[in-house]
Amino acid sequence: MSSNNKNATFPSEEILSRKWDECISNVIVKSGIGLSVGIVASALVFKKRSWPISVSTGLGLGYAISQCERNFNPTLVAKKPSEKK
């Protein structure tokens, strides 16, 4: 007997909980990556100015929030013209 997770049913609270967990982890990881890139760019390229740190952190945060919106509302994802029926 093998359990198949694709056919398993989960309570709606569990599905929502998993989506929130993924969203929060995306925000933390992508903002952290943006912060790291901004610090490196600020130190190496922009003579230790602070705006690259803010911009890159904001871009990471915006991308993470965008993915969260797509995760919670998949109808927001634009389909390619070839996928329409």
PDB file of N, CA and C in Angstrom:
ATOM      1  N   MET A   1       0.822  -1.175   0.000  1.00  0.00           N
ATOM      2  CA  MET A   1       0.000   0.000   0.000  1.00  0.00           C
ATOM      3  C   MET A   1       0.872   1.247   0.000  1.00  0.00           C
ATOM      4  N   SER A   2       0.824   1.969  -1.036  1.00  0.00           N
ATOM      5  CA  SER A   2       1.575   3.214  -1.101  1.00  0.00           C
ATOM      6  C   SER A   2       0.591   4.372  -0.989  1.00  0.00           C
ATOM      7  N   SER A   3       0.988   5.374  -0.239  1.00  0.00           N
ATOM      8  CA  SER A   3       0.115   6.540  -0.101  1.00  0.00           C
ATOM      9  C   SER A   3       0.489   7.551  -1.178  1.00  0.00           C
ATOM     10  N   ASN A   4      -0.512   8.022  -1.852  1.00  0.00           N
ATOM     11  CA  ASN A   4      -0.313   8.988  -2.928  1.00  0.00           C
ATOM     12  C   ASN A   4      -0.795  10.345  -2.430  1.00  0.00           C
ATOM     13  N   ASN A   5       0.121  11.291  -2.268  1.00  0.00           N
ATOM     14  CA  ASN A   5      -0.233  12.599  -1.735  1.00  0.00           C
ATOM     15  C   ASN A   5      -1.068  13.425  -2.699  1.00  0.00           C
ATOM     16  N   LYS A   6      -0.998  13.150  -3.979  1.00  0.00           N
ATOM     17  CA  LYS A   6      -1.770  13.916  -4.947  1.00  0.00           C
ATOM     18  C   LYS A   6      -3.259  13.643  -4.797  1.00  0.00           C
ATOM     19  N   ASN A   7      -3.630  12.429  -4.443  1.00  0.00           N
ATOM     20  CA  ASN A   7      -5.029  12.078  -4.310  1.00  0.00           C
ATOM     21  C   ASN A   7      -5.541  12.242  -2.888  1.00  0.00           C
ATOM     22  N   ALA A   8      -4.676  12.539  -1.957  1.00  0.00           N
ATOM     23  CA  ALA A   8      -5.092  12.695  -0.569  1.00  0.00           C
ATOM     24  C   ALA A   8      -5.837  14.015  -0.414  1.00  0.00           C
ATOM     25  N   THR A   9      -6.834  14.009   0.449  1.00  0.00           N
ATOM     26  CA  THR A   9      -7.575  15.235   0.714  1.00  0.00           C
ATOM     27  C   THR A   9      -7.107  15.809   2.035  1.00  0.00           C
ATOM     28  N   PHE A  10      -6.950  17.124   2.062  1.00  0.00           N
ATOM     29  CA  PHE A  10      -6.522  17.827   3.253  1.00  0.00           C
ATOM     30  C   PHE A  10      -7.622  18.795   3.656  1.00  0.00           C
ATOM     31  N   PRO A  11      -7.759  19.045   4.935  1.00  0.00           N
ATOM     32  CA  PRO A  11      -8.716  20.069   5.353  1.00  0.00           C
ATOM     33  C   PRO A  11      -8.291  21.437   4.822  1.00  0.00           C
ATOM     34  N   SER A  12      -9.259  22.302   4.640  1.00  0.00           N
ATOM     35  CA  SER A  12      -8.954  23.617   4.080  1.00  0.00           C
ATOM     36  C   SER A  12      -8.005  24.414   4.979  1.00  0.00           C
ATOM     37  N   GLU A  13      -8.064  24.180   6.281  1.00  0.00           N
ATOM     38  CA  GLU A  13      -7.155  24.886   7.184  1.00  0.00           C
ATOM     39  C   GLU A  13      -5.708  24.476   6.929  1.00  0.00           C
ATOM     40  N   GLU A  14      -5.509  23.200   6.620  1.00  0.00           N
ATOM     41  CA  GLU A  14      -4.161  22.706   6.337  1.00  0.00           C
ATOM     42  C   GLU A  14      -3.630  23.305   5.031  1.00  0.00           C
ATOM     43  N   ILE A  15      -4.466  23.396   4.028  1.00  0.00           N
ATOM     44  CA  ILE A  15      -4.056  23.978   2.739  1.00  0.00           C
ATOM     45  C   ILE A  15      -3.704  25.448   2.935  1.00  0.00           C
ATOM     46  N   LEU A  16      -4.555  26.167   3.650  1.00  0.00           N
ATOM     47  CA  LEU A  16      -4.298  27.581   3.899  1.00  0.00           C
ATOM     48  C   LEU A  16      -3.034  27.775   4.720  1.00  0.00           C
ATOM     49  N   SER A  17      -2.836  26.914   5.703  1.00  0.00           N
ATOM     50  CA  SER A  17      -1.636  26.977   6.538  1.00  0.00           C
ATOM     51  C   SER A  17      -0.372  26.759   5.710  1.00  0.00           C
ATOM     52  N   ARG A  18      -0.420  25.800   4.805  1.00  0.00           N
ATOM     53  CA  ARG A  18       0.755  25.547   3.946  1.00  0.00           C
ATOM     54  C   ARG A  18       1.036  26.722   3.024  1.00  0.00           C
ATOM     55  N   LYS A  19      -0.016  27.346   2.503  1.00  0.00           N
ATOM     56  CA  LYS A  19       0.182  28.508   1.635  1.00  0.00           C
ATOM     57  C   LYS A  19       0.806  29.668   2.404  1.00  0.00           C
ATOM     58  N   TRP A  20       0.341  29.907   3.640  1.00  0.00           N
ATOM     59  CA  TRP A  20       0.911  30.972   4.451  1.00  0.00           C
ATOM     60  C   TRP A  20       2.358  30.674   4.818  1.00  0.00           C
ATOM     61  N   ASP A  21       2.638  29.421   5.147  1.00  0.00           N
ATOM     62  CA  ASP A  21       4.021  29.047   5.465  1.00  0.00           C
ATOM     63  C   ASP A  21       4.945  29.299   4.282  1.00  0.00           C
ATOM     64  N   GLU A  22       4.486  28.924   3.090  1.00  0.00           N
ATOM     65  CA  GLU A  22       5.294  29.147   1.886  1.00  0.00           C
ATOM     66  C   GLU A  22       5.466  30.637   1.621  1.00  0.00           C
ATOM     67  N   CYS A  23       4.412  31.394   1.839  1.00  0.00           N
ATOM     68  CA  CYS A  23       4.469  32.836   1.615  1.00  0.00           C
ATOM     69  C   CYS A  23       5.459  33.504   2.564  1.00  0.00           C
ATOM     70  N   ILE A  24       5.389  33.162   3.825  1.00  0.00           N
ATOM     71  CA  ILE A  24       6.289  33.762   4.815  1.00  0.00           C
ATOM     72  C   ILE A  24       7.736  33.379   4.541  1.00  0.00           C
ATOM     73  N   SER A  25       7.962  32.123   4.183  1.00  0.00           N
ATOM     74  CA  SER A  25       9.337  31.715   3.883  1.00  0.00           C
ATOM     75  C   SER A  25       9.849  32.403   2.620  1.00  0.00           C
ATOM     76  N   ASN A  26       8.985  32.602   1.624  1.00  0.00           N
ATOM     77  CA  ASN A  26       9.394  33.334   0.418  1.00  0.00           C
ATOM     78  C   ASN A  26       9.777  34.767   0.753  1.00  0.00           C
ATOM     79  N   VAL A  27       8.993  35.418   1.599  1.00  0.00           N
ATOM     80  CA  VAL A  27       9.291  36.804   1.973  1.00  0.00           C
ATOM     81  C   VAL A  27      10.640  36.886   2.690  1.00  0.00           C
ATOM     82  N   ILE A  28      10.875  35.976   3.605  1.00  0.00           N
ATOM     83  CA  ILE A  28      12.137  36.002   4.363  1.00  0.00           C
ATOM     84  C   ILE A  28      13.329  35.734   3.447  1.00  0.00           C
ATOM     85  N   VAL A  29      13.213  34.705   2.611  1.00  0.00           N
ATOM     86  CA  VAL A  29      14.343  34.328   1.751  1.00  0.00           C
ATOM     87  C   VAL A  29      14.612  35.386   0.689  1.00  0.00           C
ATOM     88  N   LYS A  30      13.580  35.829  -0.009  1.00  0.00           N
ATOM     89  CA  LYS A  30      13.795  36.767  -1.107  1.00  0.00           C
ATOM     90  C   LYS A  30      14.208  38.155  -0.616  1.00  0.00           C
ATOM     91  N   SER A  31      13.671  38.571   0.522  1.00  0.00           N
ATOM     92  CA  SER A  31      14.128  39.843   1.092  1.00  0.00           C
ATOM     93  C   SER A  31      15.573  39.733   1.569  1.00  0.00           C
ATOM     94  N   GLY A  32      15.929  38.597   2.135  1.00  0.00           N
ATOM     95  CA  GLY A  32      17.308  38.381   2.567  1.00  0.00           C
ATOM     96  C   GLY A  32      18.287  38.362   1.407  1.00  0.00           C
ATOM     97  N   ILE A  33      17.880  37.728   0.326  1.00  0.00           N
ATOM     98  CA  ILE A  33      18.736  37.721  -0.867  1.00  0.00           C
ATOM     99  C   ILE A  33      18.884  39.133  -1.419  1.00  0.00           C
ATOM    100  N   GLY A  34      17.769  39.868  -1.463  1.00  0.00           N
ATOM    101  CA  GLY A  34      17.832  41.255  -1.924  1.00  0.00           C
ATOM    102  C   GLY A  34      18.724  42.111  -1.043  1.00  0.00           C
ATOM    103  N   LEU A  35      18.608  41.912   0.256  1.00  0.00           N
ATOM    104  CA  LEU A  35      19.458  42.644   1.196  1.00  0.00           C
ATOM    105  C   LEU A  35      20.926  42.316   0.967  1.00  0.00           C
ATOM    106  N   SER A  36      21.226  41.048   0.787  1.00  0.00           N
ATOM    107  CA  SER A  36      22.618  40.631   0.556  1.00  0.00           C
ATOM    108  C   SER A  36      23.175  41.226  -0.735  1.00  0.00           C
ATOM    109  N   VAL A  37      22.390  41.160  -1.789  1.00  0.00           N
ATOM    110  CA  VAL A  37      22.825  41.726  -3.074  1.00  0.00           C
ATOM    111  C   VAL A  37      23.035  43.233  -2.930  1.00  0.00           C
ATOM    112  N   GLY A  38      22.128  43.896  -2.211  1.00  0.00           N
ATOM    113  CA  GLY A  38      22.262  45.337  -2.016  1.00  0.00           C
ATOM    114  C   GLY A  38      23.499  45.710  -1.229  1.00  0.00           C
ATOM    115  N   ILE A  39      23.814  44.939  -0.202  1.00  0.00           N
ATOM    116  CA  ILE A  39      25.014  45.220   0.594  1.00  0.00           C
ATOM    117  C   ILE A  39      26.269  45.053  -0.246  1.00  0.00           C
ATOM    118  N   VAL A  40      26.323  43.978  -1.015  1.00  0.00           N
ATOM    119  CA  VAL A  40      27.491  43.735  -1.872  1.00  0.00           C
ATOM    120  C   VAL A  40      27.605  44.825  -2.935  1.00  0.00           C
ATOM    121  N   ALA A  41      26.482  45.165  -3.579  1.00  0.00           N
ATOM    122  CA  ALA A  41      26.514  46.208  -4.608  1.00  0.00           C
ATOM    123  C   ALA A  41      26.904  47.551  -4.013  1.00  0.00           C
ATOM    124  N   SER A  42      26.400  47.839  -2.825  1.00  0.00           N
ATOM    125  CA  SER A  42      26.732  49.099  -2.172  1.00  0.00           C
ATOM    126  C   SER A  42      28.217  49.172  -1.834  1.00  0.00           C
ATOM    127  N   ALA A  43      28.757  48.080  -1.361  1.00  0.00           N
ATOM    128  CA  ALA A  43      30.168  48.078  -0.959  1.00  0.00           C
ATOM    129  C   ALA A  43      31.117  48.098  -2.155  1.00  0.00           C
ATOM    130  N   LEU A  44      30.755  47.365  -3.209  1.00  0.00           N
ATOM    131  CA  LEU A  44      31.692  47.224  -4.331  1.00  0.00           C
ATOM    132  C   LEU A  44      31.505  48.255  -5.435  1.00  0.00           C
ATOM    133  N   VAL A  45      30.277  48.639  -5.700  1.00  0.00           N
ATOM    134  CA  VAL A  45      30.022  49.452  -6.886  1.00  0.00           C
ATOM    135  C   VAL A  45      29.636  50.891  -6.554  1.00  0.00           C
ATOM    136  N   PHE A  46      28.814  51.083  -5.536  1.00  0.00           N
ATOM    137  CA  PHE A  46      28.212  52.393  -5.320  1.00  0.00           C
ATOM    138  C   PHE A  46      28.816  53.183  -4.161  1.00  0.00           C
ATOM    139  N   LYS A  47      30.056  52.941  -3.810  1.00  0.00           N
ATOM    140  CA  LYS A  47      30.806  53.719  -2.826  1.00  0.00           C
ATOM    141  C   LYS A  47      30.080  53.817  -1.478  1.00  0.00           C
ATOM    142  N   LYS A  48      29.561  52.705  -1.020  1.00  0.00           N
ATOM    143  CA  LYS A  48      28.926  52.571   0.294  1.00  0.00           C
ATOM    144  C   LYS A  48      27.743  53.505   0.500  1.00  0.00           C
ATOM    145  N   ARG A  49      26.963  53.699  -0.529  1.00  0.00           N
ATOM    146  CA  ARG A  49      25.710  54.444  -0.388  1.00  0.00           C
ATOM    147  C   ARG A  49      24.613  53.483   0.038  1.00  0.00           C
ATOM    148  N   SER A  50      23.549  54.005   0.610  1.00  0.00           N
ATOM    149  CA  SER A  50      22.525  53.125   1.184  1.00  0.00           C
ATOM    150  C   SER A  50      21.383  52.797   0.223  1.00  0.00           C
ATOM    151  N   TRP A  51      21.199  53.551  -0.848  1.00  0.00           N
ATOM    152  CA  TRP A  51      20.047  53.311  -1.702  1.00  0.00           C
ATOM    153  C   TRP A  51      20.069  51.955  -2.407  1.00  0.00           C
ATOM    154  N   PRO A  52      21.202  51.358  -2.781  1.00  0.00           N
ATOM    155  CA  PRO A  52      21.140  50.027  -3.396  1.00  0.00           C
ATOM    156  C   PRO A  52      20.589  48.954  -2.445  1.00  0.00           C
ATOM    157  N   ILE A  53      20.839  49.129  -1.166  1.00  0.00           N
ATOM    158  CA  ILE A  53      20.330  48.171  -0.182  1.00  0.00           C
ATOM    159  C   ILE A  53      18.806  48.263  -0.123  1.00  0.00           C
ATOM    160  N   SER A  54      18.286  49.474  -0.086  1.00  0.00           N
ATOM    161  CA  SER A  54      16.837  49.669  -0.027  1.00  0.00           C
ATOM    162  C   SER A  54      16.150  49.175  -1.295  1.00  0.00           C
ATOM    163  N   VAL A  55      16.730  49.489  -2.424  1.00  0.00           N
ATOM    164  CA  VAL A  55      16.118  49.106  -3.700  1.00  0.00           C
ATOM    165  C   VAL A  55      16.093  47.587  -3.872  1.00  0.00           C
ATOM    166  N   SER A  56      17.194  46.949  -3.626  1.00  0.00           N
ATOM    167  CA  SER A  56      17.243  45.504  -3.839  1.00  0.00           C
ATOM    168  C   SER A  56      16.398  44.739  -2.813  1.00  0.00           C
ATOM    169  N   THR A  57      16.335  45.229  -1.576  1.00  0.00           N
ATOM    170  CA  THR A  57      15.457  44.604  -0.585  1.00  0.00           C
ATOM    171  C   THR A  57      14.003  44.784  -0.984  1.00  0.00           C
ATOM    172  N   GLY A  58      13.656  45.946  -1.460  1.00  0.00           N
ATOM    173  CA  GLY A  58      12.291  46.201  -1.928  1.00  0.00           C
ATOM    174  C   GLY A  58      11.912  45.342  -3.119  1.00  0.00           C
ATOM    175  N   LEU A  59      12.858  45.147  -4.027  1.00  0.00           N
ATOM    176  CA  LEU A  59      12.580  44.284  -5.178  1.00  0.00           C
ATOM    177  C   LEU A  59      12.353  42.842  -4.739  1.00  0.00           C
ATOM    178  N   GLY A  60      13.161  42.357  -3.819  1.00  0.00           N
ATOM    179  CA  GLY A  60      12.982  41.000  -3.307  1.00  0.00           C
ATOM    180  C   GLY A  60      11.652  40.844  -2.594  1.00  0.00           C
ATOM    181  N   LEU A  61      11.290  41.828  -1.782  1.00  0.00           N
ATOM    182  CA  LEU A  61      10.026  41.801  -1.060  1.00  0.00           C
ATOM    183  C   LEU A  61       8.845  41.857  -2.032  1.00  0.00           C
ATOM    184  N   GLY A  62       8.943  42.704  -3.035  1.00  0.00           N
ATOM    185  CA  GLY A  62       7.869  42.809  -4.028  1.00  0.00           C
ATOM    186  C   GLY A  62       7.680  41.531  -4.815  1.00  0.00           C
ATOM    187  N   TYR A  63       8.771  40.893  -5.171  1.00  0.00           N
ATOM    188  CA  TYR A  63       8.671  39.634  -5.909  1.00  0.00           C
ATOM    189  C   TYR A  63       8.053  38.546  -5.039  1.00  0.00           C
ATOM    190  N   ALA A  64       8.400  38.520  -3.766  1.00  0.00           N
ATOM    191  CA  ALA A  64       7.837  37.521  -2.846  1.00  0.00           C
ATOM    192  C   ALA A  64       6.337  37.747  -2.658  1.00  0.00           C
ATOM    193  N   ILE A  65       5.926  38.990  -2.501  1.00  0.00           N
ATOM    194  CA  ILE A  65       4.507  39.286  -2.338  1.00  0.00           C
ATOM    195  C   ILE A  65       3.744  38.942  -3.606  1.00  0.00           C
ATOM    196  N   SER A  66       4.349  39.187  -4.747  1.00  0.00           N
ATOM    197  CA  SER A  66       3.722  38.819  -6.018  1.00  0.00           C
ATOM    198  C   SER A  66       3.495  37.313  -6.111  1.00  0.00           C
ATOM    199  N   GLN A  67       4.471  36.534  -5.680  1.00  0.00           N
ATOM    200  CA  GLN A  67       4.300  35.077  -5.681  1.00  0.00           C
ATOM    201  C   GLN A  67       3.238  34.646  -4.688  1.00  0.00           C
ATOM    202  N   CYS A  68       3.137  35.330  -3.563  1.00  0.00           N
ATOM    203  CA  CYS A  68       2.096  35.011  -2.586  1.00  0.00           C
ATOM    204  C   CYS A  68       0.708  35.262  -3.171  1.00  0.00           C
ATOM    205  N   GLU A  69       0.560  36.366  -3.868  1.00  0.00           N
ATOM    206  CA  GLU A  69      -0.730  36.658  -4.492  1.00  0.00           C
ATOM    207  C   GLU A  69      -1.101  35.588  -5.514  1.00  0.00           C
ATOM    208  N   ARG A  70      -0.135  35.147  -6.290  1.00  0.00           N
ATOM    209  CA  ARG A  70      -0.406  34.082  -7.261  1.00  0.00           C
ATOM    210  C   ARG A  70      -0.725  32.763  -6.582  1.00  0.00           C
ATOM    211  N   ASN A  71      -0.112  32.515  -5.435  1.00  0.00           N
ATOM    212  CA  ASN A  71      -0.354  31.284  -4.705  1.00  0.00           C
ATOM    213  C   ASN A  71      -1.769  31.258  -4.120  1.00  0.00           C
ATOM    214  N   PHE A  72      -2.228  32.395  -3.605  1.00  0.00           N
ATOM    215  CA  PHE A  72      -3.561  32.454  -3.015  1.00  0.00           C
ATOM    216  C   PHE A  72      -4.658  32.626  -4.058  1.00  0.00           C
ATOM    217  N   ASN A  73      -4.361  33.258  -5.168  1.00  0.00           N
ATOM    218  CA  ASN A  73      -5.359  33.474  -6.208  1.00  0.00           C
ATOM    219  C   ASN A  73      -4.771  33.097  -7.567  1.00  0.00           C
ATOM    220  N   PRO A  74      -4.835  31.823  -7.943  1.00  0.00           N
ATOM    221  CA  PRO A  74      -4.197  31.391  -9.189  1.00  0.00           C
ATOM    222  C   PRO A  74      -4.842  31.960 -10.449  1.00  0.00           C
ATOM    223  N   THR A  75      -6.021  32.559 -10.353  1.00  0.00           N
ATOM    224  CA  THR A  75      -6.639  33.146 -11.537  1.00  0.00           C
ATOM    225  C   THR A  75      -5.948  34.427 -11.960  1.00  0.00           C
ATOM    226  N   LEU A  76      -5.072  34.979 -11.104  1.00  0.00           N
ATOM    227  CA  LEU A  76      -4.324  36.185 -11.461  1.00  0.00           C
ATOM    228  C   LEU A  76      -3.203  35.908 -12.455  1.00  0.00           C
ATOM    229  N   VAL A  77      -2.833  34.639 -12.607  1.00  0.00           N
ATOM    230  CA  VAL A  77      -1.736  34.279 -13.492  1.00  0.00           C
ATOM    231  C   VAL A  77      -2.215  34.390 -14.939  1.00  0.00           C
ATOM    232  N   ALA A  78      -1.526  35.192 -15.716  1.00  0.00           N
ATOM    233  CA  ALA A  78      -1.897  35.344 -17.112  1.00  0.00           C
ATOM    234  C   ALA A  78      -1.489  34.096 -17.895  1.00  0.00           C
ATOM    235  N   LYS A  79      -2.398  33.598 -18.709  1.00  0.00           N
ATOM    236  CA  LYS A  79      -2.097  32.430 -19.515  1.00  0.00           C
ATOM    237  C   LYS A  79      -1.514  32.851 -20.848  1.00  0.00           C
ATOM    238  N   LYS A  80      -0.687  31.985 -21.401  1.00  0.00           N
ATOM    239  CA  LYS A  80      -0.132  32.248 -22.715  1.00  0.00           C
ATOM    240  C   LYS A  80      -1.240  32.105 -23.752  1.00  0.00           C
ATOM    241  N   PRO A  81      -1.147  32.812 -24.870  1.00  0.00           N
ATOM    242  CA  PRO A  81      -2.204  32.722 -25.884  1.00  0.00           C
ATOM    243  C   PRO A  81      -2.397  31.292 -26.421  1.00  0.00           C
ATOM    244  N   SER A  82      -1.338  30.496 -26.423  1.00  0.00           N
ATOM    245  CA  SER A  82      -1.450  29.134 -26.934  1.00  0.00           C
ATOM    246  C   SER A  82      -2.213  28.214 -25.973  1.00  0.00           C
ATOM    247  N   GLU A  83      -2.324  28.613 -24.685  1.00  0.00           N
ATOM    248  CA  GLU A  83      -3.002  27.780 -23.694  1.00  0.00           C
ATOM    249  C   GLU A  83      -4.505  28.001 -23.666  1.00  0.00           C
ATOM    250  N   LYS A  84      -4.975  29.100 -24.270  1.00  0.00           N
ATOM    251  CA  LYS A  84      -6.414  29.364 -24.258  1.00  0.00           C
ATOM    252  C   LYS A  84      -7.143  28.416 -25.169  1.00  0.00           C
ATOM    253  N   LYS A  85      -8.349  28.050 -24.757  1.00  0.00           N
ATOM    254  CA  LYS A  85      -9.158  27.152 -25.599  1.00  0.00           C
ATOM    255  C   LYS A  85     -10.347  27.870 -26.149  1.00  0.00           C
TER     256      LYS A  85
END
